[in-house]
Amino acid sequence: MLWWQLILVAYHKLLIHNDWGEFVNQLNTYFGQPNLTQASKHALCALKMQDYQHVNKYMIKFSEHATHTGLNDVVLYGEFYWGLAERIKDQLLSLD
């Protein structure tokens, strides 16, 4: 906030005053993830479905990170399966 206040006082006619998209772009430029791809890959590796969690919640979190990784479907399928709760994996084993 301190950074933005200084900019807004110094430059009264900035595009961010009237353009929400430009404001968000500027925030991401200065404060966003410097390497979104790498951060998303790490987040996928760390993502684990909890035993009490619904699979839908896991799928949503997985999809949020997967879209930024650039990984192919085969790798993503493996990562998805690896992070599933054991109870879900057990159910999948019983399927044809």
C-alpha atoms as a PDB file:
ATOM      1  CA  MET A   1       0.000   0.000   0.000  1.00  0.00           C
ATOM      2  CA  LEU A   2       2.837   2.388   0.762  1.00  0.00           C
ATOM      3  CA  TRP A   3       4.295   1.783  -2.682  1.00  0.00           C
ATOM      4  CA  TRP A   4       0.966   2.504  -4.403  1.00  0.00           C
ATOM      5  CA  GLN A   5       0.300   5.639  -2.390  1.00  0.00           C
ATOM      6  CA  LEU A   6       3.608   7.154  -3.501  1.00  0.00           C
ATOM      7  CA  ILE A   7       2.921   6.360  -7.147  1.00  0.00           C
ATOM      8  CA  LEU A   8      -0.632   7.719  -7.035  1.00  0.00           C
ATOM      9  CA  VAL A   9       0.487  10.970  -5.437  1.00  0.00           C
ATOM     10  CA  ALA A  10       3.385  11.465  -7.868  1.00  0.00           C
ATOM     11  CA  TYR A  11       1.461  10.553 -11.041  1.00  0.00           C
ATOM     12  CA  HIS A  12      -2.138  11.765 -11.029  1.00  0.00           C
ATOM     13  CA  LYS A  13      -2.973  10.658 -14.578  1.00  0.00           C
ATOM     14  CA  LEU A  14      -2.029   6.985 -14.415  1.00  0.00           C
ATOM     15  CA  LEU A  15      -4.090   4.462 -16.375  1.00  0.00           C
ATOM     16  CA  ILE A  16      -4.695   2.458 -13.224  1.00  0.00           C
ATOM     17  CA  HIS A  17      -7.062   5.137 -11.932  1.00  0.00           C
ATOM     18  CA  ASN A  18      -9.731   4.233 -14.490  1.00  0.00           C
ATOM     19  CA  ASP A  19      -8.784   0.740 -15.652  1.00  0.00           C
ATOM     20  CA  TRP A  20      -9.185  -2.204 -13.307  1.00  0.00           C
ATOM     21  CA  GLY A  21      -7.390  -4.572 -15.697  1.00  0.00           C
ATOM     22  CA  GLU A  22      -4.377  -2.293 -15.857  1.00  0.00           C
ATOM     23  CA  PHE A  23      -4.372  -2.002 -12.072  1.00  0.00           C
ATOM     24  CA  VAL A  24      -4.311  -5.805 -11.715  1.00  0.00           C
ATOM     25  CA  ASN A  25      -1.579  -6.076 -14.356  1.00  0.00           C
ATOM     26  CA  GLN A  26       0.568  -3.571 -12.476  1.00  0.00           C
ATOM     27  CA  LEU A  27       0.034  -5.427  -9.197  1.00  0.00           C
ATOM     28  CA  ASN A  28       1.049  -8.699 -10.826  1.00  0.00           C
ATOM     29  CA  THR A  29       4.071  -7.087 -12.452  1.00  0.00           C
ATOM     30  CA  TYR A  30       5.420  -5.723  -9.189  1.00  0.00           C
ATOM     31  CA  PHE A  31       4.095  -8.177  -6.628  1.00  0.00           C
ATOM     32  CA  GLY A  32       3.091 -11.303  -8.524  1.00  0.00           C
ATOM     33  CA  GLN A  33       4.830 -14.631  -8.625  1.00  0.00           C
ATOM     34  CA  PRO A  34       8.146 -14.115 -10.463  1.00  0.00           C
ATOM     35  CA  ASN A  35       8.113 -17.647 -11.872  1.00  0.00           C
ATOM     36  CA  LEU A  36       4.531 -18.861 -11.987  1.00  0.00           C
ATOM     37  CA  THR A  37       5.395 -22.042 -13.889  1.00  0.00           C
ATOM     38  CA  GLN A  38       7.945 -23.204 -11.351  1.00  0.00           C
ATOM     39  CA  ALA A  39       5.775 -22.204  -8.397  1.00  0.00           C
ATOM     40  CA  SER A  40       2.817 -24.123  -9.887  1.00  0.00           C
ATOM     41  CA  LYS A  41       4.964 -27.244 -10.399  1.00  0.00           C
ATOM     42  CA  HIS A  42       6.090 -27.116  -6.774  1.00  0.00           C
ATOM     43  CA  ALA A  43       2.511 -26.585  -5.616  1.00  0.00           C
ATOM     44  CA  LEU A  44       1.363 -29.666  -7.568  1.00  0.00           C
ATOM     45  CA  CYS A  45       4.115 -31.795  -6.065  1.00  0.00           C
ATOM     46  CA  ALA A  46       3.104 -30.691  -2.575  1.00  0.00           C
ATOM     47  CA  LEU A  47      -0.649 -31.034  -3.128  1.00  0.00           C
ATOM     48  CA  LYS A  48      -2.162 -33.955  -1.235  1.00  0.00           C
ATOM     49  CA  MET A  49      -5.808 -34.800  -0.822  1.00  0.00           C
ATOM     50  CA  GLN A  50      -6.723 -35.199   2.845  1.00  0.00           C
ATOM     51  CA  ASP A  51      -8.632 -38.309   3.930  1.00  0.00           C
ATOM     52  CA  TYR A  52     -11.605 -36.244   5.075  1.00  0.00           C
ATOM     53  CA  GLN A  53     -11.604 -34.068   1.928  1.00  0.00           C
ATOM     54  CA  HIS A  54     -13.985 -34.401  -1.018  1.00  0.00           C
ATOM     55  CA  VAL A  55     -12.348 -35.209  -4.319  1.00  0.00           C
ATOM     56  CA  ASN A  56     -13.969 -32.127  -5.907  1.00  0.00           C
ATOM     57  CA  LYS A  57     -11.986 -29.794  -3.673  1.00  0.00           C
ATOM     58  CA  TYR A  58      -8.777 -31.618  -4.586  1.00  0.00           C
ATOM     59  CA  MET A  59      -9.636 -31.443  -8.293  1.00  0.00           C
ATOM     60  CA  ILE A  60     -10.221 -27.683  -8.126  1.00  0.00           C
ATOM     61  CA  LYS A  61      -6.926 -27.020  -6.350  1.00  0.00           C
ATOM     62  CA  PHE A  62      -5.119 -29.316  -8.765  1.00  0.00           C
ATOM     63  CA  SER A  63      -6.605 -27.559 -11.800  1.00  0.00           C
ATOM     64  CA  GLU A  64      -5.653 -24.124 -10.468  1.00  0.00           C
ATOM     65  CA  HIS A  65      -1.991 -25.127 -10.468  1.00  0.00           C
ATOM     66  CA  ALA A  66      -1.965 -27.503 -13.464  1.00  0.00           C
ATOM     67  CA  THR A  67      -2.959 -24.827 -15.960  1.00  0.00           C
ATOM     68  CA  HIS A  68       0.248 -22.881 -15.280  1.00  0.00           C
ATOM     69  CA  THR A  69       2.759 -25.751 -15.357  1.00  0.00           C
ATOM     70  CA  GLY A  70       3.043 -26.458 -19.070  1.00  0.00           C
ATOM     71  CA  LEU A  71       3.231 -30.187 -18.234  1.00  0.00           C
ATOM     72  CA  ASN A  72       1.724 -32.703 -20.641  1.00  0.00           C
ATOM     73  CA  ASP A  73      -1.340 -34.783 -19.804  1.00  0.00           C
ATOM     74  CA  VAL A  74       0.605 -37.956 -18.982  1.00  0.00           C
ATOM     75  CA  VAL A  75       2.636 -36.172 -16.311  1.00  0.00           C
ATOM     76  CA  LEU A  76      -0.438 -34.388 -14.975  1.00  0.00           C
ATOM     77  CA  TYR A  77      -2.360 -37.685 -14.711  1.00  0.00           C
ATOM     78  CA  GLY A  78       0.516 -39.126 -12.671  1.00  0.00           C
ATOM     79  CA  GLU A  79       0.665 -36.079 -10.395  1.00  0.00           C
ATOM     80  CA  PHE A  80      -3.097 -36.153  -9.929  1.00  0.00           C
ATOM     81  CA  TYR A  81      -3.105 -39.820  -8.974  1.00  0.00           C
ATOM     82  CA  TRP A  82      -0.110 -39.426  -6.657  1.00  0.00           C
ATOM     83  CA  GLY A  83      -1.882 -36.724  -4.658  1.00  0.00           C
ATOM     84  CA  LEU A  84      -5.168 -38.597  -4.233  1.00  0.00           C
ATOM     85  CA  ALA A  85      -6.173 -39.904  -0.820  1.00  0.00           C
ATOM     86  CA  GLU A  86      -5.434 -43.590  -0.294  1.00  0.00           C
ATOM     87  CA  ARG A  87      -9.143 -44.374   0.103  1.00  0.00           C
ATOM     88  CA  ILE A  88      -9.778 -43.085  -3.435  1.00  0.00           C
ATOM     89  CA  LYS A  89      -6.820 -45.025  -4.841  1.00  0.00           C
ATOM     90  CA  ASP A  90      -8.176 -48.179  -3.199  1.00  0.00           C
ATOM     91  CA  GLN A  91     -11.558 -47.629  -4.862  1.00  0.00           C
ATOM     92  CA  LEU A  92      -9.884 -47.089  -8.229  1.00  0.00           C
ATOM     93  CA  LEU A  93      -8.041 -50.401  -7.913  1.00  0.00           C
ATOM     94  CA  SER A  94     -11.348 -52.270  -7.630  1.00  0.00           C
ATOM     95  CA  LEU A  95     -12.590 -50.868 -10.951  1.00  0.00           C
ATOM     96  CA  ASP A  96     -12.135 -52.653 -14.266  1.00  0.00           C
END
